[in-house]
């Protein structure tokens, strides 16, 4: 194998591994979107906030209820979890300098397939198909992306075992599709957040929202997948052309 092709395959494999690690970390963490409402160290152990906390941690799944809590308690939203920052003090004890802790609730599989409504929290307002499918795609597409990269890695291993560059074309195509799926997941999440904000009234002096580090990990993963795909495809095509030229030269 030409040194150029071997170098390209090594670089592509490293990029593929990095993209898989970044995407896996993004899926498993909750900082896709962060709300900043209360100043650091603010006491949120009053009766009102305490009840909101209890409803958030143990109440039924309700989009409007948990969204309002995220807005007011410095929440973070992920693909599989939603978290709030609360005081660790008991209700009857209010420390002048409370210790703030993060508490999270996971979205169940049933929650992931639950329909979204035109008016969040109002089941009589009719299903919002756009938000429903954006919500479902944002958590399904990253797993599809990881699956495509896994099968691409299997093909690459077969290519190494056979000492042939031809199968790496399939690896490149699968990584290209994986990158598109990752971009699709990112786009669905962004669109879903914006549509939710347009349908909910933010509290007075509404929270400042920003995309978190989990979101940016996924955003970095996509171009890495595209770069790995381009290297795999280039190595396969160039190797095939060089082999054809060599065969033609030998025949001549």
Protein backbone atom coordinates (compact mmCIF):
# COMPACT_ATOMS: atom_id res chain seq x y z
CA UNK A 1 0.00 0.00 0.00
CA UNK A 2 1.29 3.46 -0.92
CA UNK A 3 2.41 5.55 2.05
CA UNK A 4 0.02 8.33 1.02
CA UNK A 5 -2.98 6.04 1.28
CA UNK A 6 -1.82 4.53 4.54
CA UNK A 7 -1.39 8.01 6.04
CA UNK A 8 -4.84 9.06 4.81
CA UNK A 9 -6.42 5.97 6.38
CA UNK A 10 -4.70 6.57 9.71
CA UNK A 11 -5.79 10.21 9.81
CA UNK A 12 -9.34 9.26 8.77
CA UNK A 13 -9.50 6.60 11.49
CA UNK A 14 -8.37 9.08 14.15
CA UNK A 15 -10.94 11.64 12.98
CA UNK A 16 -13.64 8.98 13.00
CA UNK A 17 -12.75 7.92 16.55
CA UNK A 18 -12.75 11.52 17.77
CA UNK A 19 -16.12 12.22 16.18
CA UNK A 20 -17.60 9.10 17.77
CA UNK A 21 -16.27 10.09 21.21
CA UNK A 22 -17.55 13.66 20.88
CA UNK A 23 -20.98 12.55 19.70
CA UNK A 24 -21.29 9.93 22.44
CA UNK A 25 -20.37 12.52 25.06
CA UNK A 26 -22.92 14.94 23.61
CA UNK A 27 -25.69 12.33 23.72
CA UNK A 28 -24.94 11.38 27.32
CA UNK A 29 -24.75 14.90 28.77
CA UNK A 30 -27.43 17.49 29.41
CA UNK A 31 -25.89 20.84 28.46
CA UNK A 32 -27.38 21.20 24.99
CA UNK A 33 -29.23 24.36 25.99
CA UNK A 34 -28.72 26.40 29.16
CA UNK A 35 -30.93 29.01 30.81
CA UNK A 36 -29.48 31.70 33.10
CA UNK A 37 -32.11 33.44 35.18
CA UNK A 38 -31.14 33.81 38.84
CA UNK A 39 -27.85 35.30 40.01
CA UNK A 40 -25.29 32.81 41.35
CA UNK A 41 -26.02 31.86 44.91
CA UNK A 42 -29.60 33.15 44.83
CA UNK A 43 -31.81 31.49 47.40
CA UNK A 44 -34.37 29.36 45.62
CA UNK A 45 -35.52 27.37 48.64
CA UNK A 46 -38.67 29.40 49.24
CA UNK A 47 -42.07 27.71 49.21
CA UNK A 48 -42.81 28.64 45.61
CA UNK A 49 -39.49 27.44 44.23
CA UNK A 50 -39.58 24.44 46.54
CA UNK A 51 -42.91 23.35 45.09
CA UNK A 52 -41.62 23.90 41.57
CA UNK A 53 -38.65 21.71 42.41
CA UNK A 54 -40.86 18.93 43.74
CA UNK A 55 -43.12 19.07 40.69
CA UNK A 56 -40.09 19.02 38.41
CA UNK A 57 -38.44 16.03 40.08
CA UNK A 58 -41.50 13.94 40.85
CA UNK A 59 -44.39 15.31 38.83
CA UNK A 60 -45.88 14.03 35.60
CA UNK A 61 -44.24 14.80 32.29
CA UNK A 62 -45.65 18.16 31.19
CA UNK A 63 -43.77 20.29 28.67
CA UNK A 64 -45.01 23.65 29.92
CA UNK A 65 -44.48 22.82 33.59
CA UNK A 66 -40.90 21.63 33.23
CA UNK A 67 -40.07 24.41 30.75
CA UNK A 68 -41.25 27.09 33.18
CA UNK A 69 -39.10 25.51 35.88
CA UNK A 70 -36.09 25.45 33.56
CA UNK A 71 -36.63 29.14 32.83
CA UNK A 72 -36.71 30.14 36.51
CA UNK A 73 -34.17 27.76 38.05
CA UNK A 74 -31.18 28.04 35.71
CA UNK A 75 -32.10 24.84 33.93
CA UNK A 76 -30.26 22.88 31.28
CA UNK A 77 -31.85 20.78 28.57
CA UNK A 78 -30.32 17.75 26.90
CA UNK A 79 -31.47 15.02 24.56
CA UNK A 80 -32.20 12.63 27.42
CA UNK A 81 -32.17 14.76 30.58
CA UNK A 82 -33.42 18.05 31.99
CA UNK A 83 -31.72 19.63 35.00
CA UNK A 84 -32.23 22.53 37.41
CA UNK A 85 -29.95 24.27 39.90
CA UNK A 86 -31.48 24.37 43.40
CA UNK A 87 -30.46 24.96 46.99
CA UNK A 88 -29.47 21.92 49.02
CA UNK A 89 -30.99 23.47 52.20
CA UNK A 90 -34.16 22.11 53.74
CA UNK A 91 -37.35 24.13 53.39
CA UNK A 92 -37.34 25.20 57.05
CA UNK A 93 -33.70 26.24 57.00
CA UNK A 94 -32.42 29.14 54.91
CA UNK A 95 -28.67 29.57 54.87
CA UNK A 96 -27.31 33.05 54.08
CA UNK A 97 -24.93 31.39 51.62
CA UNK A 98 -26.77 28.29 50.31
CA UNK A 99 -24.98 25.53 48.52
CA UNK A 100 -26.39 25.12 45.02
CA UNK A 101 -26.66 21.66 43.50
CA UNK A 102 -27.79 20.36 40.13
CA UNK A 103 -30.63 17.84 40.05
CA UNK A 104 -31.71 16.07 36.89
CA UNK A 105 -34.65 14.07 35.58
CA UNK A 106 -34.33 11.74 32.60
CA UNK A 107 -36.73 11.66 29.68
CA UNK A 108 -38.21 8.18 29.44
CA UNK A 109 -38.59 6.45 26.09
CA UNK A 110 -42.31 7.14 26.34
CA UNK A 111 -41.56 10.85 26.84
CA UNK A 112 -39.40 10.84 23.73
CA UNK A 113 -42.31 9.64 21.61
CA UNK A 114 -44.95 11.77 23.34
CA UNK A 115 -46.75 14.24 21.03
CA UNK A 116 -46.19 17.97 21.26
CA UNK A 117 -49.13 20.37 21.28
CA UNK A 118 -49.84 23.70 19.65
CA UNK A 119 -50.05 25.19 23.14
CA UNK A 120 -47.48 23.41 25.33
CA UNK A 121 -49.19 21.70 28.24
CA UNK A 122 -52.70 22.03 26.72
CA UNK A 123 -53.75 18.62 25.37
CA UNK A 124 -56.88 20.12 23.82
CA UNK A 125 -54.99 22.50 21.53
CA UNK A 126 -54.19 19.86 18.91
CA UNK A 127 -50.93 18.10 18.09
CA UNK A 128 -48.09 20.13 16.64
CA UNK A 129 -46.69 17.68 14.09
CA UNK A 130 -43.65 19.81 13.29
CA UNK A 131 -42.45 19.98 16.88
CA UNK A 132 -43.38 16.33 17.48
CA UNK A 133 -41.18 15.02 14.69
CA UNK A 134 -38.37 17.46 15.42
CA UNK A 135 -38.38 16.17 19.01
CA UNK A 136 -38.23 12.54 17.90
CA UNK A 137 -35.59 13.08 15.24
CA UNK A 138 -33.26 15.01 17.55
CA UNK A 139 -32.71 11.94 19.72
CA UNK A 140 -32.98 9.24 17.03
CA UNK A 141 -30.56 10.71 14.48
CA UNK A 142 -27.47 10.72 16.76
CA UNK A 143 -27.91 6.98 17.36
CA UNK A 144 -28.30 6.41 13.63
CA UNK A 145 -25.08 8.36 13.13
CA UNK A 146 -23.19 6.24 15.66
CA UNK A 147 -24.58 3.08 14.09
CA UNK A 148 -23.40 4.12 10.63
CA UNK A 149 -19.92 4.84 11.95
CA UNK A 150 -19.86 1.45 13.70
CA UNK A 151 -20.69 -0.38 10.47
CA UNK A 152 -18.13 1.76 8.67
CA UNK A 153 -15.50 0.64 11.17
CA UNK A 154 -16.43 -3.02 10.55
CA UNK A 155 -15.98 -2.51 6.81
CA UNK A 156 -12.62 -0.84 7.41
CA UNK A 157 -11.51 -3.81 9.52
CA UNK A 158 -12.52 -6.15 6.70
CA UNK A 159 -10.50 -4.00 4.30
CA UNK A 160 -7.44 -4.34 6.52
CA UNK A 161 -7.91 -8.09 6.79
CA UNK A 162 -8.25 -8.44 3.00
CA UNK A 163 -5.43 -5.96 2.37
CA UNK A 164 -7.63 -4.11 -0.10
CA UNK A 165 -8.54 -0.44 -0.37
CA UNK A 166 -11.80 -1.04 -2.22
CA UNK A 167 -14.07 -1.59 0.83
CA UNK A 168 -12.98 1.75 2.30
CA UNK A 169 -15.26 3.43 -0.24
CA UNK A 170 -18.19 2.01 1.72
CA UNK A 171 -16.65 3.27 4.95
CA UNK A 172 -16.40 6.77 3.49
CA UNK A 173 -20.01 6.74 2.29
CA UNK A 174 -21.25 5.57 5.70
CA UNK A 175 -19.29 8.33 7.44
CA UNK A 176 -20.74 10.86 5.02
CA UNK A 177 -24.26 9.69 5.89
CA UNK A 178 -23.35 9.77 9.58
CA UNK A 179 -22.26 13.39 9.27
CA UNK A 180 -25.56 14.27 7.60
CA UNK A 181 -27.47 12.55 10.42
CA UNK A 182 -25.49 14.49 13.03
CA UNK A 183 -26.19 17.76 11.23
CA UNK A 184 -29.84 16.76 11.04
CA UNK A 185 -29.98 16.16 14.80
CA UNK A 186 -28.39 19.54 15.47
CA UNK A 187 -30.81 21.28 13.11
CA UNK A 188 -33.82 19.53 14.69
CA UNK A 189 -32.72 20.56 18.17
CA UNK A 190 -32.19 24.19 17.20
CA UNK A 191 -35.53 24.38 15.40
CA UNK A 192 -37.32 22.68 18.30
CA UNK A 193 -35.92 25.11 20.87
CA UNK A 194 -36.84 28.13 18.77
CA UNK A 195 -40.37 26.87 18.17
CA UNK A 196 -40.84 26.15 21.88
CA UNK A 197 -39.74 29.69 22.79
CA UNK A 198 -42.17 31.11 20.25
CA UNK A 199 -45.07 29.25 21.86
CA UNK A 200 -44.26 29.91 25.52
CA UNK A 201 -44.38 33.25 27.30
CA UNK A 202 -41.03 33.80 28.97
CA UNK A 203 -41.18 35.26 32.50
CA UNK A 204 -40.58 38.98 33.04
CA UNK A 205 -36.94 39.75 32.48
CA UNK A 206 -36.86 36.38 30.75
CA UNK A 207 -33.89 34.06 31.15
CA UNK A 208 -30.85 34.34 28.98
CA UNK A 209 -30.52 31.21 26.90
CA UNK A 210 -27.48 29.84 25.12
CA UNK A 211 -26.34 26.61 23.55
CA UNK A 212 -24.17 24.58 25.91
CA UNK A 213 -20.98 22.60 25.52
CA UNK A 214 -22.82 19.34 24.76
CA UNK A 215 -24.39 21.00 21.73
CA UNK A 216 -21.02 22.26 20.54
CA UNK A 217 -19.47 18.79 20.94
CA UNK A 218 -22.08 17.47 18.53
CA UNK A 219 -21.45 20.44 16.23
CA UNK A 220 -17.73 19.62 16.15
CA UNK A 221 -18.43 15.94 15.55
CA UNK A 222 -20.18 16.56 12.22
CA UNK A 223 -17.24 18.17 10.33
CA UNK A 224 -14.91 15.51 11.72
CA UNK A 225 -17.18 12.87 10.19
CA UNK A 226 -17.16 14.69 6.86
CA UNK A 227 -13.35 14.98 6.88
CA UNK A 228 -13.00 11.29 7.71
CA UNK A 229 -15.44 10.43 4.90
CA UNK A 230 -13.54 12.51 2.35
CA UNK A 231 -10.22 10.84 3.27
CA UNK A 232 -11.67 7.34 3.09
CA UNK A 233 -13.28 8.02 -0.29
CA UNK A 234 -10.16 9.73 -1.66
CA UNK A 235 -7.91 6.86 -0.58
CA UNK A 236 -10.20 4.27 -2.14
CA UNK A 237 -10.65 6.10 -5.46
CA UNK A 238 -6.99 7.06 -5.81
CA UNK A 239 -5.84 3.54 -4.98
CA UNK A 240 -8.23 2.09 -7.55
CA UNK A 241 -7.02 4.50 -10.26
CA UNK A 242 -3.37 3.76 -9.46
CA UNK A 243 -4.03 0.03 -9.56
CA UNK A 244 -5.76 0.38 -12.96
CA UNK A 245 -2.82 2.38 -14.35
CA UNK A 246 -0.37 -0.24 -13.05
CA UNK A 247 -2.38 -3.06 -14.66
CA UNK A 248 -2.52 -1.17 -17.96
CA UNK A 249 1.24 -0.56 -17.81
CA UNK A 250 1.93 -4.25 -17.20
CA UNK A 251 -0.31 -5.27 -20.11
CA UNK A 252 1.41 -2.76 -22.38
